[in-house]
Amino acid sequence: MGSLENKVTPTLSENDKACLQAILVSSAQMFSCVLNATIELDLFGIIARAGPAACITTSEIVSQLPTKDSDSDTPSRLDRMLRVLVSNSLLTCSIRTLEDAFSSHRAFWEASLRMKHVILEGGNQFQRAHGMSVFQYMDKDPAFNMMFNKSMTGLSTIALSKILEGYQGFVGLTSLVDVGGGTGKSLSMVISKYPSIKGINFDLPHVIQSAPSYPGIEHVGGDMFQSVPKGDAIIMKNILHDWNDENCKKLLRTCYKALPDKGKLVIIELLMPEATESSLASQYISRLDMSMLLNLEGQERTEKEYEALCKESGFSNFQVVFCAFTLFAVMEFHK
């Protein structure tokens, strides 16, 4: 899949381009960390020594890295980092079929300094830096939790405002569950436009504790991997990219059980292009993908990868139905 522009959304307006540029700036720290790790690993030197017209695979690059601790996933992790450089026009790449075929918070910054280690060794670098996962850290540090929720709310507000202008998938629903809905701001935007819908905002108990009251919305705390409230439809925004494939399928199956026959799951996520581009959207997605690799062992995925998760979790139909800013894709998984 190439760019989402003109596929499910019109050409970007000047205002939309300015908004996308502002979103990209928020990921500048990740680009600097990638560049630092690139220099530490001598990637430019390795590629240059292959020759001006040569094509070199990530596996071939890994074989020349200064470590004996790499594993079978090292080429894949390196490929994700190289996407950042390609999307910023520092490298070029081609796709070939081979046989082996808030970001500025100090807590994230300390993990980001371990970029080289995550490429060579893998593993959750946030956990190694702090002795606990991001979500455990949020539970222990109320100030960090509040900053994280505000950051997510701000980004979701920008995306959902645009999505509500064009996406018609909430029409006719009587109930809607927002799984991982944070403090409920996004769901409140949907209910404000469709007041006949009963909204249920579902998240971890420590998140729900700080959630304000919204008309037409009930806040419910719990563990989304165990069970989620039932509703005509379920929405998840920027949740699946936090998790590896197995945890995603576990979560999707939990949602499947909570839906009625013919019910649908609305997924809002970034879509990684099949071929890395130099667009603003591709630059942002590739940077955020590195944040997922560092801090959560999650990843940004392509349309084909989301379709595979959909089918492998029991859903019968998959469709990308809308895209905001050529960045935030709205996908529907039908039961």
C-alpha atoms as a PDB file:
ATOM      1  CA  MET A   1       0.000   0.000   0.000  1.00  0.00           C
ATOM      2  CA  GLY A   2       1.263   3.439  -0.851  1.00  0.00           C
ATOM      3  CA  SER A   3       0.118   6.732   0.587  1.00  0.00           C
ATOM      4  CA  LEU A   4      -3.381   6.925   2.013  1.00  0.00           C
ATOM      5  CA  GLU A   5      -3.840  10.335   0.415  1.00  0.00           C
ATOM      6  CA  ASN A   6      -6.771  10.252  -2.053  1.00  0.00           C
ATOM      7  CA  LYS A   7      -7.603   6.675  -1.067  1.00  0.00           C
ATOM      8  CA  VAL A   8     -10.179   7.365   1.636  1.00  0.00           C
ATOM      9  CA  THR A   9      -9.765  11.104   2.122  1.00  0.00           C
ATOM     10  CA  PRO A  10      -9.424  14.178  -0.131  1.00  0.00           C
ATOM     11  CA  THR A  11      -6.145  15.964  -0.791  1.00  0.00           C
ATOM     12  CA  LEU A  12      -4.898  17.784   2.308  1.00  0.00           C
ATOM     13  CA  SER A  13      -5.908  21.408   2.729  1.00  0.00           C
ATOM     14  CA  GLU A  14      -3.322  23.982   3.772  1.00  0.00           C
ATOM     15  CA  ASN A  15      -4.724  23.937   7.324  1.00  0.00           C
ATOM     16  CA  ASP A  16      -4.503  20.143   7.426  1.00  0.00           C
ATOM     17  CA  LYS A  17      -0.905  20.263   6.216  1.00  0.00           C
ATOM     18  CA  ALA A  18      -0.044  22.760   8.960  1.00  0.00           C
ATOM     19  CA  CYS A  19      -1.687  20.518  11.554  1.00  0.00           C
ATOM     20  CA  LEU A  20       0.211  17.482  10.274  1.00  0.00           C
ATOM     21  CA  GLN A  21       3.465  19.444  10.403  1.00  0.00           C
ATOM     22  CA  ALA A  22       2.780  20.332  14.060  1.00  0.00           C
ATOM     23  CA  ILE A  23       2.116  16.666  14.869  1.00  0.00           C
ATOM     24  CA  LEU A  24       5.408  15.725  13.188  1.00  0.00           C
ATOM     25  CA  VAL A  25       7.337  18.277  15.284  1.00  0.00           C
ATOM     26  CA  SER A  26       6.109  16.512  18.432  1.00  0.00           C
ATOM     27  CA  SER A  27       8.170  13.462  17.418  1.00  0.00           C
ATOM     28  CA  ALA A  28      11.427  15.357  16.795  1.00  0.00           C
ATOM     29  CA  GLN A  29      13.113  13.781  19.824  1.00  0.00           C
ATOM     30  CA  MET A  30      12.702  10.299  18.351  1.00  0.00           C
ATOM     31  CA  PHE A  31      14.386  11.372  15.112  1.00  0.00           C
ATOM     32  CA  SER A  32      17.425  12.686  17.001  1.00  0.00           C
ATOM     33  CA  CYS A  33      17.677   9.412  18.945  1.00  0.00           C
ATOM     34  CA  VAL A  34      17.515   7.391  15.727  1.00  0.00           C
ATOM     35  CA  LEU A  35      20.219   9.552  14.163  1.00  0.00           C
ATOM     36  CA  ASN A  36      22.437   9.142  17.235  1.00  0.00           C
ATOM     37  CA  ALA A  37      22.053   5.346  17.166  1.00  0.00           C
ATOM     38  CA  THR A  38      22.725   5.344  13.421  1.00  0.00           C
ATOM     39  CA  ILE A  39      26.054   7.070  14.014  1.00  0.00           C
ATOM     40  CA  GLU A  40      26.948   4.837  16.978  1.00  0.00           C
ATOM     41  CA  LEU A  41      26.311   1.727  14.873  1.00  0.00           C
ATOM     42  CA  ASP A  42      28.164   3.181  11.855  1.00  0.00           C
ATOM     43  CA  LEU A  43      25.197   2.389   9.598  1.00  0.00           C
ATOM     44  CA  PHE A  44      26.063   5.065   7.052  1.00  0.00           C
ATOM     45  CA  GLY A  45      29.607   3.695   6.885  1.00  0.00           C
ATOM     46  CA  ILE A  46      28.428   0.096   6.436  1.00  0.00           C
ATOM     47  CA  ILE A  47      26.054   1.105   3.639  1.00  0.00           C
ATOM     48  CA  ALA A  48      28.632   3.339   1.944  1.00  0.00           C
ATOM     49  CA  ARG A  49      31.244   0.583   1.947  1.00  0.00           C
ATOM     50  CA  ALA A  50      28.828  -1.641   0.014  1.00  0.00           C
ATOM     51  CA  GLY A  51      29.334   0.675  -2.966  1.00  0.00           C
ATOM     52  CA  PRO A  52      27.399   3.534  -4.611  1.00  0.00           C
ATOM     53  CA  ALA A  53      25.122   1.299  -6.689  1.00  0.00           C
ATOM     54  CA  ALA A  54      24.885  -1.621  -4.280  1.00  0.00           C
ATOM     55  CA  CYS A  55      21.758  -2.832  -2.503  1.00  0.00           C
ATOM     56  CA  ILE A  56      22.338  -4.157   0.995  1.00  0.00           C
ATOM     57  CA  THR A  57      19.785  -5.991   3.126  1.00  0.00           C
ATOM     58  CA  THR A  58      19.212  -5.466   6.834  1.00  0.00           C
ATOM     59  CA  SER A  59      20.550  -8.977   7.487  1.00  0.00           C
ATOM     60  CA  GLU A  60      23.780  -8.054   5.695  1.00  0.00           C
ATOM     61  CA  ILE A  61      24.042  -4.849   7.726  1.00  0.00           C
ATOM     62  CA  VAL A  62      23.477  -6.769  10.978  1.00  0.00           C
ATOM     63  CA  SER A  63      26.297  -9.146  10.099  1.00  0.00           C
ATOM     64  CA  GLN A  64      28.662  -6.133  10.194  1.00  0.00           C
ATOM     65  CA  LEU A  65      27.411  -4.579  13.433  1.00  0.00           C
ATOM     66  CA  PRO A  66      29.867  -4.397  16.367  1.00  0.00           C
ATOM     67  CA  THR A  67      28.159  -7.038  18.483  1.00  0.00           C
ATOM     68  CA  LYS A  68      27.840 -10.769  18.907  1.00  0.00           C
ATOM     69  CA  ASP A  69      24.584 -10.460  20.836  1.00  0.00           C
ATOM     70  CA  SER A  70      22.192  -9.965  17.902  1.00  0.00           C
ATOM     71  CA  ASP A  71      19.286 -12.392  17.504  1.00  0.00           C
ATOM     72  CA  SER A  72      16.965 -13.468  14.691  1.00  0.00           C
ATOM     73  CA  ASP A  73      14.769 -10.390  15.183  1.00  0.00           C
ATOM     74  CA  THR A  74      17.608  -7.878  14.902  1.00  0.00           C
ATOM     75  CA  PRO A  75      17.134  -7.352  11.119  1.00  0.00           C
ATOM     76  CA  SER A  76      13.442  -6.611  11.659  1.00  0.00           C
ATOM     77  CA  ARG A  77      14.170  -4.086  14.431  1.00  0.00           C
ATOM     78  CA  LEU A  78      16.854  -2.469  12.287  1.00  0.00           C
ATOM     79  CA  ASP A  79      14.448  -2.246   9.356  1.00  0.00           C
ATOM     80  CA  ARG A  80      12.032  -0.261  11.528  1.00  0.00           C
ATOM     81  CA  MET A  81      14.764   2.220  12.412  1.00  0.00           C
ATOM     82  CA  LEU A  82      15.912   2.537   8.796  1.00  0.00           C
ATOM     83  CA  ARG A  83      12.345   3.531   7.844  1.00  0.00           C
ATOM     84  CA  VAL A  84      12.870   6.722   9.835  1.00  0.00           C
ATOM     85  CA  LEU A  85      15.982   7.563   7.800  1.00  0.00           C
ATOM     86  CA  VAL A  86      14.311   6.709   4.487  1.00  0.00           C
ATOM     87  CA  SER A  87      11.194   8.762   5.267  1.00  0.00           C
ATOM     88  CA  ASN A  88      13.498  11.730   5.961  1.00  0.00           C
ATOM     89  CA  SER A  89      15.317  11.187   2.620  1.00  0.00           C
ATOM     90  CA  LEU A  90      18.629  10.274   4.285  1.00  0.00           C
ATOM     91  CA  LEU A  91      18.571   6.836   2.649  1.00  0.00           C
ATOM     92  CA  THR A  92      16.698   5.157  -0.186  1.00  0.00           C
ATOM     93  CA  CYS A  93      15.226   1.681  -0.162  1.00  0.00           C
ATOM     94  CA  SER A  94      13.447  -0.821  -2.362  1.00  0.00           C
ATOM     95  CA  ILE A  95      11.159  -3.718  -1.520  1.00  0.00           C
ATOM     96  CA  ARG A  96      12.321  -7.149  -2.607  1.00  0.00           C
ATOM     97  CA  THR A  97      11.059 -10.614  -1.752  1.00  0.00           C
ATOM     98  CA  LEU A  98      13.875 -12.581  -0.150  1.00  0.00           C
ATOM     99  CA  GLU A  99      14.060 -16.055   1.258  1.00  0.00           C
ATOM    100  CA  ASP A 100      14.561 -14.784   4.811  1.00  0.00           C
ATOM    101  CA  ALA A 101      11.927 -12.872   3.872  1.00  0.00           C
ATOM    102  CA  PHE A 102       4.945  12.343  25.255  1.00  0.00           C
ATOM    103  CA  SER A 103       7.765  11.613  24.133  1.00  0.00           C
ATOM    104  CA  SER A 104       9.680  14.517  25.721  1.00  0.00           C
ATOM    105  CA  HIS A 105       9.085  13.350  29.319  1.00  0.00           C
ATOM    106  CA  ARG A 106      12.279  12.352  31.098  1.00  0.00           C
ATOM    107  CA  ALA A 107      10.977   8.823  31.663  1.00  0.00           C
ATOM    108  CA  PHE A 108      10.739   8.299  27.896  1.00  0.00           C
ATOM    109  CA  TRP A 109      13.970  10.177  27.230  1.00  0.00           C
ATOM    110  CA  GLU A 110      15.968   7.808  29.440  1.00  0.00           C
ATOM    111  CA  ALA A 111      14.605   4.845  27.492  1.00  0.00           C
ATOM    112  CA  SER A 112      15.259   6.611  24.167  1.00  0.00           C
ATOM    113  CA  LEU A 113      18.961   6.847  24.976  1.00  0.00           C
ATOM    114  CA  ARG A 114      19.016   3.054  24.707  1.00  0.00           C
ATOM    115  CA  MET A 115      18.114   3.071  21.000  1.00  0.00           C
ATOM    116  CA  LYS A 116      21.254   1.187  20.010  1.00  0.00           C
ATOM    117  CA  HIS A 117      20.510  -1.517  22.585  1.00  0.00           C
ATOM    118  CA  VAL A 118      16.962  -2.133  21.388  1.00  0.00           C
ATOM    119  CA  ILE A 119      18.216  -2.622  17.829  1.00  0.00           C
ATOM    120  CA  LEU A 120      20.973  -5.039  18.833  1.00  0.00           C
ATOM    121  CA  GLU A 121      19.272  -6.853  21.710  1.00  0.00           C
ATOM    122  CA  GLY A 122      15.533  -6.185  21.575  1.00  0.00           C
ATOM    123  CA  GLY A 123      13.498  -6.004  24.751  1.00  0.00           C
ATOM    124  CA  ASN A 124      11.492  -3.293  26.479  1.00  0.00           C
ATOM    125  CA  GLN A 125      13.986  -0.499  27.105  1.00  0.00           C
ATOM    126  CA  PHE A 126      11.566   1.530  29.245  1.00  0.00           C
ATOM    127  CA  GLN A 127      11.296  -1.445  31.592  1.00  0.00           C
ATOM    128  CA  ARG A 128      15.059  -1.875  31.674  1.00  0.00           C
ATOM    129  CA  ALA A 129      15.564   1.820  32.437  1.00  0.00           C
ATOM    130  CA  HIS A 130      12.909   2.020  35.176  1.00  0.00           C
ATOM    131  CA  GLY A 131      12.335  -1.531  36.388  1.00  0.00           C
ATOM    132  CA  MET A 132       8.653  -1.442  35.402  1.00  0.00           C
ATOM    133  CA  SER A 133       6.411  -1.082  32.355  1.00  0.00           C
ATOM    134  CA  VAL A 134       5.006   2.235  31.126  1.00  0.00           C
ATOM    135  CA  PHE A 135       1.588   1.335  32.520  1.00  0.00           C
ATOM    136  CA  GLN A 136       3.027   0.373  35.918  1.00  0.00           C
ATOM    137  CA  TYR A 137       4.978   3.634  35.939  1.00  0.00           C
ATOM    138  CA  MET A 138       1.752   5.541  35.273  1.00  0.00           C
ATOM    139  CA  ASP A 139       0.104   3.805  38.208  1.00  0.00           C
ATOM    140  CA  LYS A 140       3.020   4.719  40.514  1.00  0.00           C
ATOM    141  CA  ASP A 141       3.518   8.319  39.364  1.00  0.00           C
ATOM    142  CA  PRO A 142       0.293  10.422  39.341  1.00  0.00           C
ATOM    143  CA  ALA A 143       2.031  13.400  37.696  1.00  0.00           C
ATOM    144  CA  PHE A 144       3.327  11.228  34.854  1.00  0.00           C
ATOM    145  CA  ASN A 145      -0.112   9.617  34.544  1.00  0.00           C
ATOM    146  CA  MET A 146      -1.788  13.021  34.256  1.00  0.00           C
ATOM    147  CA  MET A 147       0.732  14.251  31.667  1.00  0.00           C
ATOM    148  CA  PHE A 148       0.325  11.078  29.620  1.00  0.00           C
ATOM    149  CA  ASN A 149      -3.480  11.321  29.666  1.00  0.00           C
ATOM    150  CA  LYS A 150      -3.386  14.993  28.650  1.00  0.00           C
ATOM    151  CA  SER A 151      -1.033  14.201  25.786  1.00  0.00           C
ATOM    152  CA  MET A 152      -3.220  11.358  24.518  1.00  0.00           C
ATOM    153  CA  THR A 153      -6.360  13.468  24.903  1.00  0.00           C
ATOM    154  CA  GLY A 154      -4.858  16.299  22.886  1.00  0.00           C
ATOM    155  CA  LEU A 155      -3.841  14.068  19.987  1.00  0.00           C
ATOM    156  CA  SER A 156      -7.149  12.171  20.042  1.00  0.00           C
ATOM    157  CA  THR A 157      -9.083  15.450  19.996  1.00  0.00           C
ATOM    158  CA  ILE A 158      -7.257  16.603  16.863  1.00  0.00           C
ATOM    159  CA  ALA A 159      -7.800  13.279  15.102  1.00  0.00           C
ATOM    160  CA  LEU A 160     -11.397  12.694  16.157  1.00  0.00           C
ATOM    161  CA  SER A 161     -12.510  16.209  15.248  1.00  0.00           C
ATOM    162  CA  LYS A 162     -11.462  15.503  11.666  1.00  0.00           C
ATOM    163  CA  ILE A 163     -12.854  11.962  11.686  1.00  0.00           C
ATOM    164  CA  LEU A 164     -16.288  13.122  12.859  1.00  0.00           C
ATOM    165  CA  GLU A 165     -16.469  15.465   9.863  1.00  0.00           C
ATOM    166  CA  GLY A 166     -16.469  12.582   7.405  1.00  0.00           C
ATOM    167  CA  TYR A 167     -16.938   9.189   9.085  1.00  0.00           C
ATOM    168  CA  GLN A 168     -20.591   8.071   9.265  1.00  0.00           C
ATOM    169  CA  GLY A 169     -20.116   4.769  11.092  1.00  0.00           C
ATOM    170  CA  PHE A 170     -21.692   5.923  14.376  1.00  0.00           C
ATOM    171  CA  VAL A 171     -25.078   6.615  12.763  1.00  0.00           C
ATOM    172  CA  GLY A 172     -27.806   4.315  14.095  1.00  0.00           C
ATOM    173  CA  LEU A 173     -25.903   2.982  17.122  1.00  0.00           C
ATOM    174  CA  THR A 174     -27.629   2.856  20.510  1.00  0.00           C
ATOM    175  CA  SER A 175     -24.518   2.069  22.574  1.00  0.00           C
ATOM    176  CA  LEU A 176     -20.785   2.535  22.076  1.00  0.00           C
ATOM    177  CA  VAL A 177     -17.919   1.288  24.261  1.00  0.00           C
ATOM    178  CA  ASP A 178     -14.568   3.086  24.124  1.00  0.00           C
ATOM    179  CA  VAL A 179     -11.952   0.507  25.187  1.00  0.00           C
ATOM    180  CA  GLY A 180      -8.823   2.215  26.466  1.00  0.00           C
ATOM    181  CA  GLY A 181     -10.736   5.481  26.288  1.00  0.00           C
ATOM    182  CA  GLY A 182      -8.621   7.327  28.846  1.00  0.00           C
ATOM    183  CA  THR A 183     -10.537  10.037  30.665  1.00  0.00           C
ATOM    184  CA  GLY A 184     -13.414   9.947  28.183  1.00  0.00           C
ATOM    185  CA  LYS A 185     -12.792  13.097  26.142  1.00  0.00           C
ATOM    186  CA  SER A 186     -12.894  11.341  22.763  1.00  0.00           C
ATOM    187  CA  LEU A 187     -16.073   9.458  23.564  1.00  0.00           C
ATOM    188  CA  SER A 188     -17.678  12.694  24.747  1.00  0.00           C
ATOM    189  CA  MET A 189     -17.016  14.190  21.311  1.00  0.00           C
ATOM    190  CA  VAL A 190     -18.859  11.291  19.659  1.00  0.00           C
ATOM    191  CA  ILE A 191     -21.788  11.473  22.097  1.00  0.00           C
ATOM    192  CA  SER A 192     -22.039  15.238  21.636  1.00  0.00           C
ATOM    193  CA  LYS A 193     -22.635  14.671  17.916  1.00  0.00           C
ATOM    194  CA  TYR A 194     -24.825  11.582  18.451  1.00  0.00           C
ATOM    195  CA  PRO A 195     -26.620  12.207  21.777  1.00  0.00           C
ATOM    196  CA  SER A 196     -28.930   9.189  21.377  1.00  0.00           C
ATOM    197  CA  ILE A 197     -25.950   6.855  21.848  1.00  0.00           C
ATOM    198  CA  LYS A 198     -25.231   5.540  25.344  1.00  0.00           C
ATOM    199  CA  GLY A 199     -21.481   5.819  25.888  1.00  0.00           C
ATOM    200  CA  ILE A 200     -19.333   3.578  28.100  1.00  0.00           C
ATOM    201  CA  ASN A 201     -15.749   4.713  28.691  1.00  0.00           C
ATOM    202  CA  PHE A 202     -13.581   1.758  29.737  1.00  0.00           C
ATOM    203  CA  ASP A 203     -10.000   1.954  31.002  1.00  0.00           C
ATOM    204  CA  LEU A 204      -7.753   0.930  33.887  1.00  0.00           C
ATOM    205  CA  PRO A 205      -9.069   1.874  37.347  1.00  0.00           C
ATOM    206  CA  HIS A 206      -6.330   4.457  38.038  1.00  0.00           C
ATOM    207  CA  VAL A 207      -7.225   6.208  34.761  1.00  0.00           C
ATOM    208  CA  ILE A 208     -10.960   6.182  35.453  1.00  0.00           C
ATOM    209  CA  GLN A 209     -10.354   7.701  38.890  1.00  0.00           C
ATOM    210  CA  SER A 210      -9.303  10.991  37.283  1.00  0.00           C
ATOM    211  CA  ALA A 211     -11.985  10.993  34.573  1.00  0.00           C
ATOM    212  CA  PRO A 212     -14.446  13.920  34.669  1.00  0.00           C
ATOM    213  CA  SER A 213     -18.193  13.462  34.311  1.00  0.00           C
ATOM    214  CA  TYR A 214     -19.653  13.746  30.802  1.00  0.00           C
ATOM    215  CA  PRO A 215     -23.359  13.726  29.827  1.00  0.00           C
ATOM    216  CA  GLY A 216     -24.446  10.351  28.463  1.00  0.00           C
ATOM    217  CA  ILE A 217     -21.250   8.540  29.467  1.00  0.00           C
ATOM    218  CA  GLU A 218     -20.631   5.920  32.131  1.00  0.00           C
ATOM    219  CA  HIS A 219     -17.044   5.359  33.265  1.00  0.00           C
ATOM    220  CA  VAL A 220     -16.073   1.732  33.945  1.00  0.00           C
ATOM    221  CA  GLY A 221     -12.713   0.487  35.215  1.00  0.00           C
ATOM    222  CA  GLY A 222     -11.213  -2.913  34.476  1.00  0.00           C
ATOM    223  CA  ASP A 223      -8.707  -5.013  32.538  1.00  0.00           C
ATOM    224  CA  MET A 224      -9.386  -5.071  28.796  1.00  0.00           C
ATOM    225  CA  PHE A 225      -7.572  -8.388  28.422  1.00  0.00           C
ATOM    226  CA  GLN A 226     -10.056 -10.054  30.784  1.00  0.00           C
ATOM    227  CA  SER A 227     -13.384  -8.618  29.628  1.00  0.00           C
ATOM    228  CA  VAL A 228     -14.898  -5.417  28.238  1.00  0.00           C
ATOM    229  CA  PRO A 229     -18.441  -3.993  28.546  1.00  0.00           C
ATOM    230  CA  LYS A 230     -20.960  -4.981  25.878  1.00  0.00           C
ATOM    231  CA  GLY A 231     -22.276  -2.533  23.284  1.00  0.00           C
ATOM    232  CA  ASP A 232     -23.621  -2.272  19.737  1.00  0.00           C
ATOM    233  CA  ALA A 233     -20.113  -1.263  18.707  1.00  0.00           C
ATOM    234  CA  ILE A 234     -16.681  -0.904  20.304  1.00  0.00           C
ATOM    235  CA  ILE A 235     -14.087   1.718  19.454  1.00  0.00           C
ATOM    236  CA  MET A 236     -10.344   1.555  20.166  1.00  0.00           C
ATOM    237  CA  LYS A 237      -8.024   4.451  19.378  1.00  0.00           C
ATOM    238  CA  ASN A 238      -4.254   4.037  19.346  1.00  0.00           C
ATOM    239  CA  ILE A 239      -4.414   0.890  21.475  1.00  0.00           C
ATOM    240  CA  LEU A 240      -3.303  -1.965  19.240  1.00  0.00           C
ATOM    241  CA  HIS A 241       0.020  -0.308  18.379  1.00  0.00           C
ATOM    242  CA  ASP A 242       0.984  -0.631  22.061  1.00  0.00           C
ATOM    243  CA  TRP A 243       1.041  -4.438  21.883  1.00  0.00           C
ATOM    244  CA  ASN A 244       2.657  -7.325  20.025  1.00  0.00           C
ATOM    245  CA  ASP A 245       0.588  -9.525  17.717  1.00  0.00           C
ATOM    246  CA  GLU A 246      -0.317 -12.141  20.324  1.00  0.00           C
ATOM    247  CA  ASN A 247      -1.595  -9.580  22.839  1.00  0.00           C
ATOM    248  CA  CYS A 248      -3.472  -7.782  20.051  1.00  0.00           C
ATOM    249  CA  LYS A 249      -5.274 -10.987  19.096  1.00  0.00           C
ATOM    250  CA  LYS A 250      -6.085 -11.686  22.742  1.00  0.00           C
ATOM    251  CA  LEU A 251      -7.595  -8.206  23.101  1.00  0.00           C
ATOM    252  CA  LEU A 252      -9.468  -8.436  19.803  1.00  0.00           C
ATOM    253  CA  ARG A 253     -11.022 -11.762  20.821  1.00  0.00           C
ATOM    254  CA  THR A 254     -12.154 -10.201  24.090  1.00  0.00           C
ATOM    255  CA  CYS A 255     -13.853  -7.434  22.100  1.00  0.00           C
ATOM    256  CA  TYR A 256     -15.358  -9.991  19.716  1.00  0.00           C
ATOM    257  CA  LYS A 257     -17.087 -11.733  22.635  1.00  0.00           C
ATOM    258  CA  ALA A 258     -18.593  -8.440  23.846  1.00  0.00           C
ATOM    259  CA  LEU A 259     -20.160  -7.599  20.473  1.00  0.00           C
ATOM    260  CA  PRO A 260     -23.595  -8.740  19.266  1.00  0.00           C
ATOM    261  CA  ASP A 261     -24.046 -10.620  16.002  1.00  0.00           C
ATOM    262  CA  LYS A 262     -23.222  -8.269  13.114  1.00  0.00           C
ATOM    263  CA  GLY A 263     -21.612  -5.873  15.604  1.00  0.00           C
ATOM    264  CA  LYS A 264     -18.477  -3.969  14.668  1.00  0.00           C
ATOM    265  CA  LEU A 265     -15.194  -2.897  16.173  1.00  0.00           C
ATOM    266  CA  VAL A 266     -13.975   0.530  15.072  1.00  0.00           C
ATOM    267  CA  ILE A 267     -10.185   0.797  15.130  1.00  0.00           C
ATOM    268  CA  ILE A 268      -8.366   4.123  14.802  1.00  0.00           C
ATOM    269  CA  GLU A 269      -4.638   3.708  14.217  1.00  0.00           C
ATOM    270  CA  LEU A 270      -1.798   5.000  12.100  1.00  0.00           C
ATOM    271  CA  LEU A 271      -1.155   2.909   8.989  1.00  0.00           C
ATOM    272  CA  MET A 272       2.449   2.182   8.090  1.00  0.00           C
ATOM    273  CA  PRO A 273       2.980   2.407   4.298  1.00  0.00           C
ATOM    274  CA  GLU A 274       4.073  -0.847   2.652  1.00  0.00           C
ATOM    275  CA  ALA A 275       6.866   1.109   0.968  1.00  0.00           C
ATOM    276  CA  THR A 276       8.518   3.837   3.028  1.00  0.00           C
ATOM    277  CA  GLU A 277       7.778   7.327   1.743  1.00  0.00           C
ATOM    278  CA  SER A 278       9.117  10.818   2.438  1.00  0.00           C
ATOM    279  CA  SER A 279       5.679  12.274   3.212  1.00  0.00           C
ATOM    280  CA  LEU A 280       5.062  14.053   6.522  1.00  0.00           C
ATOM    281  CA  ALA A 281       2.694  11.247   7.535  1.00  0.00           C
ATOM    282  CA  SER A 282       5.307   8.567   6.815  1.00  0.00           C
ATOM    283  CA  GLN A 283       7.952  10.472   8.773  1.00  0.00           C
ATOM    284  CA  TYR A 284       5.699  10.696  11.824  1.00  0.00           C
ATOM    285  CA  ILE A 285       4.576   7.062  11.652  1.00  0.00           C
ATOM    286  CA  SER A 286       8.132   5.728  11.354  1.00  0.00           C
ATOM    287  CA  ARG A 287       9.236   7.819  14.349  1.00  0.00           C
ATOM    288  CA  LEU A 288       6.315   6.679  16.471  1.00  0.00           C
ATOM    289  CA  ASP A 289       7.071   3.093  15.473  1.00  0.00           C
ATOM    290  CA  MET A 290      10.471   3.479  17.112  1.00  0.00           C
ATOM    291  CA  SER A 291       8.817   4.765  20.283  1.00  0.00           C
ATOM    292  CA  MET A 292       6.646   1.634  20.329  1.00  0.00           C
ATOM    293  CA  LEU A 293       9.723  -0.553  19.869  1.00  0.00           C
ATOM    294  CA  LEU A 294      11.599   1.178  22.681  1.00  0.00           C
ATOM    295  CA  ASN A 295       8.926   1.597  25.289  1.00  0.00           C
ATOM    296  CA  LEU A 296       6.244  -1.037  24.746  1.00  0.00           C
ATOM    297  CA  GLU A 297       7.452  -3.748  22.342  1.00  0.00           C
ATOM    298  CA  GLY A 298       4.509  -2.693  20.170  1.00  0.00           C
ATOM    299  CA  GLN A 299       4.589  -1.495  16.577  1.00  0.00           C
ATOM    300  CA  GLU A 300       2.857   0.508  13.879  1.00  0.00           C
ATOM    301  CA  ARG A 301       1.350  -1.808  11.260  1.00  0.00           C
ATOM    302  CA  THR A 302       0.434  -1.826   7.596  1.00  0.00           C
ATOM    303  CA  GLU A 303      -3.099  -2.291   6.292  1.00  0.00           C
ATOM    304  CA  LYS A 304      -2.310  -5.919   5.433  1.00  0.00           C
ATOM    305  CA  GLU A 305      -1.042  -6.584   8.960  1.00  0.00           C
ATOM    306  CA  TYR A 306      -4.215  -5.165  10.510  1.00  0.00           C
ATOM    307  CA  GLU A 307      -6.339  -7.220   8.143  1.00  0.00           C
ATOM    308  CA  ALA A 308      -4.456 -10.341   9.238  1.00  0.00           C
ATOM    309  CA  LEU A 309      -5.071  -9.526  12.920  1.00  0.00           C
ATOM    310  CA  CYS A 310      -8.748  -8.999  12.120  1.00  0.00           C
ATOM    311  CA  LYS A 311      -9.213 -12.353  10.398  1.00  0.00           C
ATOM    312  CA  GLU A 312      -7.059 -14.301  12.882  1.00  0.00           C
ATOM    313  CA  SER A 313      -9.177 -12.970  15.768  1.00  0.00           C
ATOM    314  CA  GLY A 314     -12.428 -14.310  14.333  1.00  0.00           C
ATOM    315  CA  PHE A 315     -13.851 -11.246  12.601  1.00  0.00           C
ATOM    316  CA  SER A 316     -15.462 -11.839   9.210  1.00  0.00           C
ATOM    317  CA  ASN A 317     -14.769  -8.584   7.400  1.00  0.00           C
ATOM    318  CA  PHE A 318     -12.141  -5.847   7.372  1.00  0.00           C
ATOM    319  CA  GLN A 319     -12.264  -2.427   5.745  1.00  0.00           C
ATOM    320  CA  VAL A 320     -10.415   0.896   5.870  1.00  0.00           C
ATOM    321  CA  VAL A 321     -13.276   3.374   5.638  1.00  0.00           C
ATOM    322  CA  PHE A 322     -11.776   6.807   6.341  1.00  0.00           C
ATOM    323  CA  CYS A 323      -8.489   8.569   6.970  1.00  0.00           C
ATOM    324  CA  ALA A 324      -7.837  11.930   8.643  1.00  0.00           C
ATOM    325  CA  PHE A 325      -4.797  14.022   7.676  1.00  0.00           C
ATOM    326  CA  THR A 326      -3.611  11.015   5.595  1.00  0.00           C
ATOM    327  CA  LEU A 327      -2.475   9.766   9.008  1.00  0.00           C
ATOM    328  CA  PHE A 328      -5.267   8.478  11.276  1.00  0.00           C
ATOM    329  CA  ALA A 329      -7.003   5.545   9.595  1.00  0.00           C
ATOM    330  CA  VAL A 330     -10.467   4.367  10.614  1.00  0.00           C
ATOM    331  CA  MET A 331     -10.855   0.607  10.175  1.00  0.00           C
ATOM    332  CA  GLU A 332     -13.936  -1.514  10.778  1.00  0.00           C
ATOM    333  CA  PHE A 333     -13.749  -5.132  11.957  1.00  0.00           C
ATOM    334  CA  HIS A 334     -17.166  -6.787  11.499  1.00  0.00           C
ATOM    335  CA  LYS A 335     -18.305  -9.776  13.547  1.00  0.00           C
END
